[in-house]
Amino acid sequence: MKTYIILLRGINVSGHKKIKMTDLKQMLENIGMQNVQTYIQSGNIVLNVPDENVQILEKKVSDVITRNYGFEVPVLGIELASFIEIVNQSPFSEYNDSERKNAYFVLLKNKPETQLIQSLEEENYPNESFKTTQNCIYLTCKNGYGNAKCNTNFFERKLKVQATTRNYKTMVKLLEMTTAY
């Protein structure tokens, strides 16, 4: 069995693309996923599946949502070892509690082209800073994410990849949830 973290993008925001996590949990269990746990209503899932390709897993989750809700949702699956690496490589462990409130992980579905990363790294925005890796952008927004220019849509446009963003607290909670396995 492998443990995966599944992140859904753009659900339960302003009444759009509503998905109850309790219902989704049951649907995922019905298609053979085990130990399914969800965290808050923004599409954070920890689960176990037999040794499976991440693209196949993402498609299964996407298909069950489309079939049951009638809309598509971007799905990002991350194997536990990769998730741990993303969290451990973040600069946020050195932040104090106040600074962590403005710390975000922009998780990338695919590796961006090197030239796009280099071009992005040359940009500078007041009150926002970021460090780009092949699978994550570590973002700090001093005025909060809601006021940030450097949001998920911004990074998707600049890097030409799908992405989803989670705050520091959510990432740590998801990691804690995996220890139950």
N, C-alpha and C. Protein backbone atom coordinates (compact mmCIF):
# COMPACT_ATOMS: atom_id res chain seq x y z
N MET A 1 0.83 -1.20 0.00
CA MET A 1 0.00 0.00 0.00
C MET A 1 0.87 1.25 0.00
N LYS A 2 0.40 2.25 -0.72
CA LYS A 2 1.08 3.54 -0.74
C LYS A 2 0.15 4.60 -0.17
N THR A 3 0.74 5.55 0.50
CA THR A 3 -0.01 6.68 1.04
C THR A 3 0.16 7.86 0.09
N TYR A 4 -0.96 8.50 -0.23
CA TYR A 4 -0.97 9.67 -1.09
C TYR A 4 -1.71 10.81 -0.41
N ILE A 5 -1.32 12.01 -0.75
CA ILE A 5 -2.07 13.20 -0.39
C ILE A 5 -2.70 13.67 -1.69
N ILE A 6 -4.00 13.84 -1.68
CA ILE A 6 -4.74 14.30 -2.85
C ILE A 6 -5.25 15.71 -2.55
N LEU A 7 -4.96 16.64 -3.44
CA LEU A 7 -5.38 18.02 -3.28
C LEU A 7 -6.28 18.41 -4.45
N LEU A 8 -7.46 18.92 -4.13
CA LEU A 8 -8.40 19.38 -5.15
C LEU A 8 -8.31 20.89 -5.23
N ARG A 9 -8.46 21.41 -6.43
CA ARG A 9 -8.36 22.86 -6.60
C ARG A 9 -9.72 23.46 -6.91
N GLY A 10 -10.03 24.53 -6.22
CA GLY A 10 -11.18 25.35 -6.56
C GLY A 10 -12.54 24.78 -6.18
N ILE A 11 -12.61 23.99 -5.11
CA ILE A 11 -13.92 23.51 -4.68
C ILE A 11 -14.38 24.27 -3.45
N ASN A 12 -15.70 24.32 -3.28
CA ASN A 12 -16.32 24.94 -2.10
C ASN A 12 -15.86 26.37 -1.88
N VAL A 13 -15.66 27.10 -2.97
CA VAL A 13 -15.26 28.50 -2.90
C VAL A 13 -16.44 29.36 -3.36
N SER A 14 -16.91 30.20 -2.48
CA SER A 14 -18.02 31.11 -2.78
C SER A 14 -19.24 30.37 -3.34
N GLY A 15 -19.51 29.20 -2.82
CA GLY A 15 -20.69 28.45 -3.24
C GLY A 15 -20.56 27.72 -4.56
N HIS A 16 -19.37 27.73 -5.15
CA HIS A 16 -19.16 27.08 -6.45
C HIS A 16 -18.49 25.73 -6.25
N LYS A 17 -18.82 24.80 -7.14
CA LYS A 17 -18.24 23.46 -7.13
C LYS A 17 -18.27 22.87 -5.72
N LYS A 18 -19.47 22.76 -5.19
CA LYS A 18 -19.65 22.27 -3.81
C LYS A 18 -19.50 20.75 -3.77
N ILE A 19 -18.64 20.31 -2.88
CA ILE A 19 -18.42 18.89 -2.63
C ILE A 19 -18.32 18.70 -1.12
N LYS A 20 -19.18 17.86 -0.58
CA LYS A 20 -19.08 17.53 0.85
C LYS A 20 -17.99 16.49 1.00
N MET A 21 -17.06 16.76 1.88
CA MET A 21 -15.94 15.84 2.07
C MET A 21 -16.40 14.47 2.59
N THR A 22 -17.45 14.45 3.41
CA THR A 22 -17.94 13.15 3.90
C THR A 22 -18.46 12.31 2.74
N ASP A 23 -19.14 12.95 1.79
CA ASP A 23 -19.64 12.22 0.60
C ASP A 23 -18.48 11.76 -0.27
N LEU A 24 -17.51 12.63 -0.48
CA LEU A 24 -16.36 12.27 -1.31
C LEU A 24 -15.58 11.12 -0.68
N LYS A 25 -15.43 11.15 0.63
CA LYS A 25 -14.74 10.08 1.35
C LYS A 25 -15.41 8.74 1.04
N GLN A 26 -16.72 8.70 1.13
CA GLN A 26 -17.47 7.47 0.86
C GLN A 26 -17.29 7.02 -0.59
N MET A 27 -17.34 7.96 -1.52
CA MET A 27 -17.17 7.63 -2.94
C MET A 27 -15.79 7.03 -3.21
N LEU A 28 -14.77 7.61 -2.59
CA LEU A 28 -13.41 7.10 -2.79
C LEU A 28 -13.26 5.71 -2.17
N GLU A 29 -13.86 5.51 -1.03
CA GLU A 29 -13.83 4.17 -0.42
C GLU A 29 -14.56 3.15 -1.30
N ASN A 30 -15.64 3.59 -1.93
CA ASN A 30 -16.42 2.70 -2.80
C ASN A 30 -15.64 2.25 -4.03
N ILE A 31 -14.63 3.00 -4.43
CA ILE A 31 -13.83 2.58 -5.60
C ILE A 31 -12.49 1.97 -5.17
N GLY A 32 -12.40 1.58 -3.90
CA GLY A 32 -11.27 0.78 -3.44
C GLY A 32 -10.15 1.50 -2.71
N MET A 33 -10.31 2.79 -2.47
CA MET A 33 -9.28 3.51 -1.71
C MET A 33 -9.50 3.26 -0.23
N GLN A 34 -8.42 3.19 0.52
CA GLN A 34 -8.51 2.79 1.93
C GLN A 34 -8.01 3.89 2.85
N ASN A 35 -8.48 3.82 4.10
CA ASN A 35 -8.05 4.77 5.14
C ASN A 35 -8.20 6.22 4.68
N VAL A 36 -9.29 6.52 4.00
CA VAL A 36 -9.52 7.85 3.45
C VAL A 36 -9.85 8.81 4.59
N GLN A 37 -9.08 9.90 4.66
CA GLN A 37 -9.31 10.97 5.64
C GLN A 37 -9.35 12.29 4.89
N THR A 38 -10.20 13.20 5.33
CA THR A 38 -10.24 14.53 4.72
C THR A 38 -9.96 15.56 5.80
N TYR A 39 -9.51 16.73 5.34
CA TYR A 39 -9.23 17.83 6.26
C TYR A 39 -9.85 19.09 5.70
N ILE A 40 -10.67 19.72 6.45
CA ILE A 40 -11.46 20.90 6.11
C ILE A 40 -12.15 20.71 4.74
N GLN A 41 -12.89 21.68 4.32
CA GLN A 41 -13.74 21.53 3.12
C GLN A 41 -13.08 22.00 1.83
N SER A 42 -11.77 22.22 1.85
CA SER A 42 -11.13 22.76 0.64
C SER A 42 -10.43 21.70 -0.20
N GLY A 43 -10.75 20.43 0.02
CA GLY A 43 -10.23 19.39 -0.86
C GLY A 43 -8.87 18.85 -0.48
N ASN A 44 -8.69 18.47 0.76
CA ASN A 44 -7.45 17.88 1.25
C ASN A 44 -7.75 16.46 1.70
N ILE A 45 -7.10 15.49 1.08
CA ILE A 45 -7.40 14.09 1.32
C ILE A 45 -6.10 13.31 1.53
N VAL A 46 -6.11 12.43 2.51
CA VAL A 46 -5.02 11.49 2.73
C VAL A 46 -5.64 10.11 2.57
N LEU A 47 -4.98 9.22 1.81
CA LEU A 47 -5.54 7.90 1.59
C LEU A 47 -4.46 6.89 1.25
N ASN A 48 -4.86 5.63 1.28
CA ASN A 48 -3.97 4.53 0.90
C ASN A 48 -4.57 3.82 -0.30
N VAL A 49 -3.70 3.40 -1.21
CA VAL A 49 -4.09 2.57 -2.35
C VAL A 49 -2.99 1.56 -2.60
N PRO A 50 -3.34 0.45 -3.25
CA PRO A 50 -2.27 -0.47 -3.65
C PRO A 50 -1.29 0.28 -4.55
N ASP A 51 -0.10 -0.24 -4.68
CA ASP A 51 0.93 0.38 -5.51
C ASP A 51 0.32 0.84 -6.83
N GLU A 52 0.23 2.13 -7.01
CA GLU A 52 -0.47 2.67 -8.18
C GLU A 52 0.25 3.91 -8.71
N ASN A 53 0.18 4.08 -10.01
CA ASN A 53 0.72 5.24 -10.69
C ASN A 53 -0.08 6.48 -10.28
N VAL A 54 0.58 7.58 -9.98
CA VAL A 54 -0.09 8.78 -9.50
C VAL A 54 -1.06 9.34 -10.55
N GLN A 55 -0.72 9.25 -11.83
CA GLN A 55 -1.62 9.77 -12.87
C GLN A 55 -2.92 8.97 -12.91
N ILE A 56 -2.82 7.65 -12.73
CA ILE A 56 -4.02 6.81 -12.70
C ILE A 56 -4.88 7.17 -11.49
N LEU A 57 -4.23 7.36 -10.34
CA LEU A 57 -4.94 7.74 -9.12
C LEU A 57 -5.66 9.09 -9.31
N GLU A 58 -4.96 10.07 -9.85
CA GLU A 58 -5.58 11.39 -10.10
C GLU A 58 -6.79 11.25 -11.00
N LYS A 59 -6.68 10.44 -12.04
CA LYS A 59 -7.79 10.24 -12.98
C LYS A 59 -8.97 9.58 -12.29
N LYS A 60 -8.73 8.59 -11.45
CA LYS A 60 -9.81 7.93 -10.72
C LYS A 60 -10.56 8.92 -9.84
N VAL A 61 -9.82 9.77 -9.12
CA VAL A 61 -10.44 10.77 -8.26
C VAL A 61 -11.22 11.77 -9.11
N SER A 62 -10.62 12.23 -10.19
CA SER A 62 -11.28 13.18 -11.08
C SER A 62 -12.55 12.58 -11.67
N ASP A 63 -12.48 11.34 -12.10
CA ASP A 63 -13.63 10.68 -12.71
C ASP A 63 -14.78 10.51 -11.72
N VAL A 64 -14.48 10.14 -10.48
CA VAL A 64 -15.54 9.95 -9.49
C VAL A 64 -16.22 11.29 -9.18
N ILE A 65 -15.47 12.37 -9.17
CA ILE A 65 -16.05 13.70 -8.94
C ILE A 65 -16.92 14.10 -10.13
N THR A 66 -16.40 13.95 -11.34
CA THR A 66 -17.16 14.31 -12.54
C THR A 66 -18.45 13.50 -12.63
N ARG A 67 -18.36 12.21 -12.38
CA ARG A 67 -19.52 11.32 -12.47
C ARG A 67 -20.58 11.68 -11.43
N ASN A 68 -20.16 12.02 -10.23
CA ASN A 68 -21.12 12.26 -9.15
C ASN A 68 -21.58 13.71 -9.01
N TYR A 69 -20.77 14.65 -9.50
CA TYR A 69 -21.12 16.06 -9.33
C TYR A 69 -21.36 16.81 -10.64
N GLY A 70 -20.93 16.23 -11.74
CA GLY A 70 -21.19 16.86 -13.03
C GLY A 70 -20.25 17.99 -13.39
N PHE A 71 -19.16 18.13 -12.69
CA PHE A 71 -18.15 19.13 -13.06
C PHE A 71 -16.77 18.56 -12.83
N GLU A 72 -15.80 19.18 -13.51
CA GLU A 72 -14.41 18.73 -13.39
C GLU A 72 -13.68 19.58 -12.36
N VAL A 73 -12.73 18.95 -11.70
CA VAL A 73 -11.91 19.61 -10.69
C VAL A 73 -10.46 19.20 -10.92
N PRO A 74 -9.53 20.16 -10.97
CA PRO A 74 -8.12 19.78 -11.04
C PRO A 74 -7.73 18.98 -9.79
N VAL A 75 -7.03 17.86 -10.01
CA VAL A 75 -6.63 16.96 -8.93
C VAL A 75 -5.12 16.81 -8.96
N LEU A 76 -4.49 16.99 -7.81
CA LEU A 76 -3.04 16.80 -7.68
C LEU A 76 -2.78 15.73 -6.64
N GLY A 77 -2.13 14.64 -7.05
CA GLY A 77 -1.77 13.57 -6.14
C GLY A 77 -0.28 13.62 -5.86
N ILE A 78 0.09 13.46 -4.59
CA ILE A 78 1.49 13.49 -4.20
C ILE A 78 1.76 12.28 -3.31
N GLU A 79 2.73 11.46 -3.70
CA GLU A 79 3.12 10.33 -2.87
C GLU A 79 3.72 10.86 -1.56
N LEU A 80 3.50 10.13 -0.48
CA LEU A 80 3.91 10.58 0.84
C LEU A 80 5.38 11.00 0.90
N ALA A 81 6.29 10.21 0.35
CA ALA A 81 7.72 10.55 0.41
C ALA A 81 7.99 11.90 -0.23
N SER A 82 7.36 12.19 -1.35
CA SER A 82 7.53 13.49 -2.02
C SER A 82 6.93 14.61 -1.19
N PHE A 83 5.78 14.34 -0.58
CA PHE A 83 5.13 15.34 0.26
C PHE A 83 6.01 15.72 1.45
N ILE A 84 6.58 14.69 2.09
CA ILE A 84 7.49 14.93 3.22
C ILE A 84 8.68 15.78 2.77
N GLU A 85 9.22 15.46 1.61
CA GLU A 85 10.37 16.21 1.08
C GLU A 85 10.00 17.68 0.84
N ILE A 86 8.82 17.91 0.27
CA ILE A 86 8.37 19.29 0.02
C ILE A 86 8.28 20.07 1.33
N VAL A 87 7.68 19.46 2.34
CA VAL A 87 7.53 20.14 3.63
C VAL A 87 8.89 20.36 4.28
N ASN A 88 9.74 19.34 4.27
CA ASN A 88 11.05 19.44 4.92
C ASN A 88 11.99 20.43 4.24
N GLN A 89 11.84 20.63 2.94
CA GLN A 89 12.72 21.57 2.23
C GLN A 89 12.25 23.02 2.32
N SER A 90 11.10 23.23 2.91
CA SER A 90 10.58 24.60 2.98
C SER A 90 11.43 25.46 3.91
N PRO A 91 11.49 26.74 3.63
CA PRO A 91 12.20 27.65 4.53
C PRO A 91 11.36 28.01 5.75
N PHE A 92 10.12 27.53 5.80
CA PHE A 92 9.17 27.96 6.81
C PHE A 92 9.43 27.38 8.19
N SER A 93 10.21 26.30 8.28
CA SER A 93 10.48 25.72 9.60
C SER A 93 11.26 26.70 10.48
N GLU A 94 11.96 27.62 9.85
CA GLU A 94 12.74 28.62 10.59
C GLU A 94 11.90 29.85 10.95
N TYR A 95 10.69 29.92 10.44
CA TYR A 95 9.81 31.06 10.71
C TYR A 95 9.21 30.94 12.10
N ASN A 96 8.88 32.08 12.70
CA ASN A 96 8.13 32.04 13.96
C ASN A 96 6.64 31.86 13.63
N ASP A 97 5.81 31.66 14.64
CA ASP A 97 4.39 31.38 14.42
C ASP A 97 3.70 32.50 13.64
N SER A 98 4.05 33.72 13.92
CA SER A 98 3.44 34.86 13.22
C SER A 98 3.80 34.85 11.74
N GLU A 99 5.05 34.57 11.43
CA GLU A 99 5.50 34.52 10.03
C GLU A 99 4.86 33.36 9.27
N ARG A 100 4.64 32.25 9.95
CA ARG A 100 4.05 31.06 9.31
C ARG A 100 2.62 31.31 8.86
N LYS A 101 1.94 32.26 9.47
CA LYS A 101 0.57 32.58 9.06
C LYS A 101 0.53 33.13 7.64
N ASN A 102 1.65 33.60 7.16
CA ASN A 102 1.73 34.16 5.81
C ASN A 102 2.58 33.30 4.88
N ALA A 103 2.75 32.03 5.24
CA ALA A 103 3.59 31.10 4.46
C ALA A 103 2.71 30.12 3.70
N TYR A 104 3.01 29.95 2.41
CA TYR A 104 2.18 29.12 1.53
C TYR A 104 3.04 28.23 0.66
N PHE A 105 2.45 27.10 0.29
CA PHE A 105 3.06 26.14 -0.62
C PHE A 105 2.21 26.15 -1.88
N VAL A 106 2.79 26.54 -2.99
CA VAL A 106 2.11 26.45 -4.29
C VAL A 106 2.63 25.17 -4.91
N LEU A 107 1.80 24.14 -4.90
CA LEU A 107 2.21 22.81 -5.35
C LEU A 107 1.95 22.67 -6.84
N LEU A 108 2.98 22.26 -7.58
CA LEU A 108 2.92 22.21 -9.04
C LEU A 108 2.64 20.79 -9.52
N LYS A 109 1.72 20.66 -10.47
CA LYS A 109 1.37 19.34 -10.99
C LYS A 109 2.50 18.74 -11.82
N ASN A 110 3.19 19.58 -12.59
CA ASN A 110 4.30 19.13 -13.42
C ASN A 110 5.49 20.05 -13.24
N LYS A 111 6.63 19.56 -13.63
CA LYS A 111 7.85 20.36 -13.57
C LYS A 111 7.80 21.44 -14.66
N PRO A 112 7.94 22.71 -14.28
CA PRO A 112 7.95 23.78 -15.27
C PRO A 112 9.26 23.78 -16.08
N GLU A 113 9.20 24.39 -17.24
CA GLU A 113 10.41 24.53 -18.04
C GLU A 113 11.40 25.43 -17.30
N THR A 114 12.67 25.08 -17.39
CA THR A 114 13.73 25.81 -16.68
C THR A 114 13.72 27.29 -17.03
N GLN A 115 13.54 27.63 -18.29
CA GLN A 115 13.56 29.05 -18.70
C GLN A 115 12.40 29.82 -18.08
N LEU A 116 11.25 29.17 -17.88
CA LEU A 116 10.12 29.85 -17.24
C LEU A 116 10.40 30.08 -15.76
N ILE A 117 11.03 29.12 -15.11
CA ILE A 117 11.41 29.29 -13.70
C ILE A 117 12.40 30.44 -13.58
N GLN A 118 13.40 30.47 -14.45
CA GLN A 118 14.41 31.53 -14.40
C GLN A 118 13.78 32.90 -14.62
N SER A 119 12.88 32.99 -15.56
CA SER A 119 12.20 34.26 -15.83
C SER A 119 11.37 34.70 -14.63
N LEU A 120 10.66 33.77 -14.02
CA LEU A 120 9.86 34.08 -12.84
C LEU A 120 10.73 34.55 -11.68
N GLU A 121 11.85 33.89 -11.47
CA GLU A 121 12.74 34.22 -10.36
C GLU A 121 13.30 35.65 -10.46
N GLU A 122 13.31 36.21 -11.66
CA GLU A 122 13.81 37.58 -11.85
C GLU A 122 12.79 38.63 -11.44
N GLU A 123 11.53 38.22 -11.26
CA GLU A 123 10.48 39.17 -10.91
C GLU A 123 10.49 39.45 -9.41
N ASN A 124 10.01 40.64 -9.06
CA ASN A 124 10.02 41.07 -7.66
C ASN A 124 8.71 41.79 -7.36
N TYR A 125 8.10 41.45 -6.24
CA TYR A 125 6.83 42.06 -5.85
C TYR A 125 6.91 42.50 -4.41
N PRO A 126 6.50 43.75 -4.13
CA PRO A 126 6.54 44.24 -2.74
C PRO A 126 5.68 43.36 -1.83
N ASN A 127 6.18 43.08 -0.67
CA ASN A 127 5.48 42.31 0.37
C ASN A 127 5.26 40.84 0.03
N GLU A 128 5.85 40.37 -1.07
CA GLU A 128 5.72 38.97 -1.45
C GLU A 128 7.09 38.45 -1.88
N SER A 129 7.41 37.26 -1.42
CA SER A 129 8.66 36.64 -1.85
C SER A 129 8.39 35.16 -2.10
N PHE A 130 9.18 34.58 -3.00
CA PHE A 130 8.99 33.16 -3.30
C PHE A 130 10.28 32.52 -3.75
N LYS A 131 10.32 31.22 -3.54
CA LYS A 131 11.44 30.39 -3.99
C LYS A 131 10.82 29.25 -4.79
N THR A 132 11.31 29.06 -6.00
CA THR A 132 10.73 28.07 -6.89
C THR A 132 11.60 26.82 -6.96
N THR A 133 10.96 25.66 -6.84
CA THR A 133 11.62 24.38 -7.05
C THR A 133 10.89 23.67 -8.20
N GLN A 134 11.26 22.44 -8.47
CA GLN A 134 10.63 21.71 -9.57
C GLN A 134 9.19 21.31 -9.28
N ASN A 135 8.81 21.22 -8.01
CA ASN A 135 7.45 20.77 -7.71
C ASN A 135 6.69 21.66 -6.73
N CYS A 136 7.33 22.75 -6.28
CA CYS A 136 6.68 23.63 -5.30
C CYS A 136 7.27 25.03 -5.35
N ILE A 137 6.42 25.99 -5.08
CA ILE A 137 6.87 27.37 -4.88
C ILE A 137 6.59 27.70 -3.42
N TYR A 138 7.61 28.09 -2.70
CA TYR A 138 7.47 28.49 -1.31
C TYR A 138 7.22 29.99 -1.31
N LEU A 139 6.04 30.38 -0.89
CA LEU A 139 5.56 31.75 -1.04
C LEU A 139 5.29 32.37 0.32
N THR A 140 5.76 33.59 0.51
CA THR A 140 5.45 34.37 1.70
C THR A 140 4.74 35.64 1.26
N CYS A 141 3.57 35.87 1.85
CA CYS A 141 2.76 37.06 1.54
C CYS A 141 2.57 37.85 2.82
N LYS A 142 3.33 38.92 2.96
CA LYS A 142 3.30 39.69 4.21
C LYS A 142 1.94 40.31 4.49
N ASN A 143 1.16 40.58 3.43
CA ASN A 143 -0.18 41.16 3.61
C ASN A 143 -1.28 40.11 3.48
N GLY A 144 -0.92 38.83 3.53
CA GLY A 144 -1.89 37.75 3.42
C GLY A 144 -2.12 37.31 1.99
N TYR A 145 -2.51 36.06 1.83
CA TYR A 145 -2.69 35.49 0.50
C TYR A 145 -3.85 36.14 -0.26
N GLY A 146 -4.90 36.53 0.45
CA GLY A 146 -6.05 37.15 -0.19
C GLY A 146 -5.72 38.45 -0.91
N ASN A 147 -4.66 39.10 -0.51
CA ASN A 147 -4.25 40.36 -1.12
C ASN A 147 -3.04 40.21 -2.05
N ALA A 148 -2.62 38.99 -2.27
CA ALA A 148 -1.37 38.74 -3.01
C ALA A 148 -1.56 38.81 -4.52
N LYS A 149 -0.59 39.39 -5.18
CA LYS A 149 -0.53 39.34 -6.64
C LYS A 149 -0.05 37.95 -7.06
N CYS A 150 0.87 37.41 -6.28
CA CYS A 150 1.45 36.10 -6.58
C CYS A 150 0.54 35.01 -6.01
N ASN A 151 -0.56 34.76 -6.71
CA ASN A 151 -1.48 33.71 -6.29
C ASN A 151 -1.39 32.52 -7.24
N THR A 152 -2.24 31.54 -7.05
CA THR A 152 -2.18 30.33 -7.87
C THR A 152 -2.30 30.64 -9.35
N ASN A 153 -3.26 31.47 -9.72
CA ASN A 153 -3.45 31.82 -11.13
C ASN A 153 -2.21 32.49 -11.72
N PHE A 154 -1.60 33.37 -10.94
CA PHE A 154 -0.38 34.05 -11.37
C PHE A 154 0.71 33.04 -11.71
N PHE A 155 0.96 32.10 -10.80
CA PHE A 155 2.02 31.12 -11.03
C PHE A 155 1.67 30.16 -12.17
N GLU A 156 0.42 29.81 -12.31
CA GLU A 156 0.03 28.94 -13.43
C GLU A 156 0.30 29.62 -14.77
N ARG A 157 -0.03 30.91 -14.85
CA ARG A 157 0.22 31.66 -16.10
C ARG A 157 1.71 31.77 -16.39
N LYS A 158 2.47 32.10 -15.37
CA LYS A 158 3.91 32.31 -15.56
C LYS A 158 4.66 31.02 -15.89
N LEU A 159 4.25 29.92 -15.26
CA LEU A 159 5.00 28.66 -15.41
C LEU A 159 4.33 27.67 -16.37
N LYS A 160 3.10 27.99 -16.79
CA LYS A 160 2.35 27.14 -17.73
C LYS A 160 2.17 25.71 -17.20
N VAL A 161 1.83 25.61 -15.91
CA VAL A 161 1.52 24.33 -15.27
C VAL A 161 0.32 24.52 -14.34
N GLN A 162 -0.39 23.43 -14.06
CA GLN A 162 -1.46 23.49 -13.06
C GLN A 162 -0.83 23.54 -11.68
N ALA A 163 -1.53 24.20 -10.76
CA ALA A 163 -1.02 24.33 -9.39
C ALA A 163 -2.19 24.44 -8.43
N THR A 164 -1.91 24.22 -7.18
CA THR A 164 -2.87 24.48 -6.11
C THR A 164 -2.08 24.94 -4.89
N THR A 165 -2.68 25.76 -4.08
CA THR A 165 -1.97 26.38 -2.96
C THR A 165 -2.57 25.95 -1.63
N ARG A 166 -1.67 25.70 -0.67
CA ARG A 166 -2.08 25.38 0.69
C ARG A 166 -1.22 26.19 1.65
N ASN A 167 -1.81 26.56 2.78
CA ASN A 167 -1.03 27.30 3.77
C ASN A 167 -0.20 26.34 4.62
N TYR A 168 0.69 26.89 5.39
CA TYR A 168 1.60 26.11 6.21
C TYR A 168 0.84 25.19 7.17
N LYS A 169 -0.17 25.72 7.82
CA LYS A 169 -0.93 24.95 8.79
C LYS A 169 -1.56 23.71 8.15
N THR A 170 -2.13 23.86 6.97
CA THR A 170 -2.75 22.73 6.28
C THR A 170 -1.71 21.68 5.90
N MET A 171 -0.56 22.11 5.42
CA MET A 171 0.48 21.15 5.03
C MET A 171 0.94 20.34 6.24
N VAL A 172 1.14 21.00 7.37
CA VAL A 172 1.58 20.30 8.57
C VAL A 172 0.49 19.34 9.05
N LYS A 173 -0.76 19.76 9.00
CA LYS A 173 -1.87 18.90 9.42
C LYS A 173 -1.95 17.66 8.52
N LEU A 174 -1.81 17.83 7.21
CA LEU A 174 -1.84 16.68 6.31
C LEU A 174 -0.71 15.71 6.62
N LEU A 175 0.44 16.25 6.91
CA LEU A 175 1.58 15.40 7.28
C LEU A 175 1.28 14.64 8.58
N GLU A 176 0.71 15.31 9.54
CA GLU A 176 0.33 14.65 10.81
C GLU A 176 -0.68 13.54 10.57
N MET A 177 -1.60 13.75 9.64
CA MET A 177 -2.63 12.75 9.34
C MET A 177 -2.02 11.47 8.77
N THR A 178 -0.88 11.58 8.13
CA THR A 178 -0.27 10.40 7.53
C THR A 178 0.38 9.50 8.57
N THR A 179 0.66 10.01 9.73
CA THR A 179 1.31 9.19 10.76
C THR A 179 0.37 8.14 11.34
N ALA A 180 -0.92 8.27 11.05
CA ALA A 180 -1.90 7.31 11.55
C ALA A 180 -1.82 5.98 10.79
N TYR A 181 -1.08 5.95 9.69
CA TYR A 181 -1.02 4.73 8.89
C TYR A 181 0.01 3.80 9.44
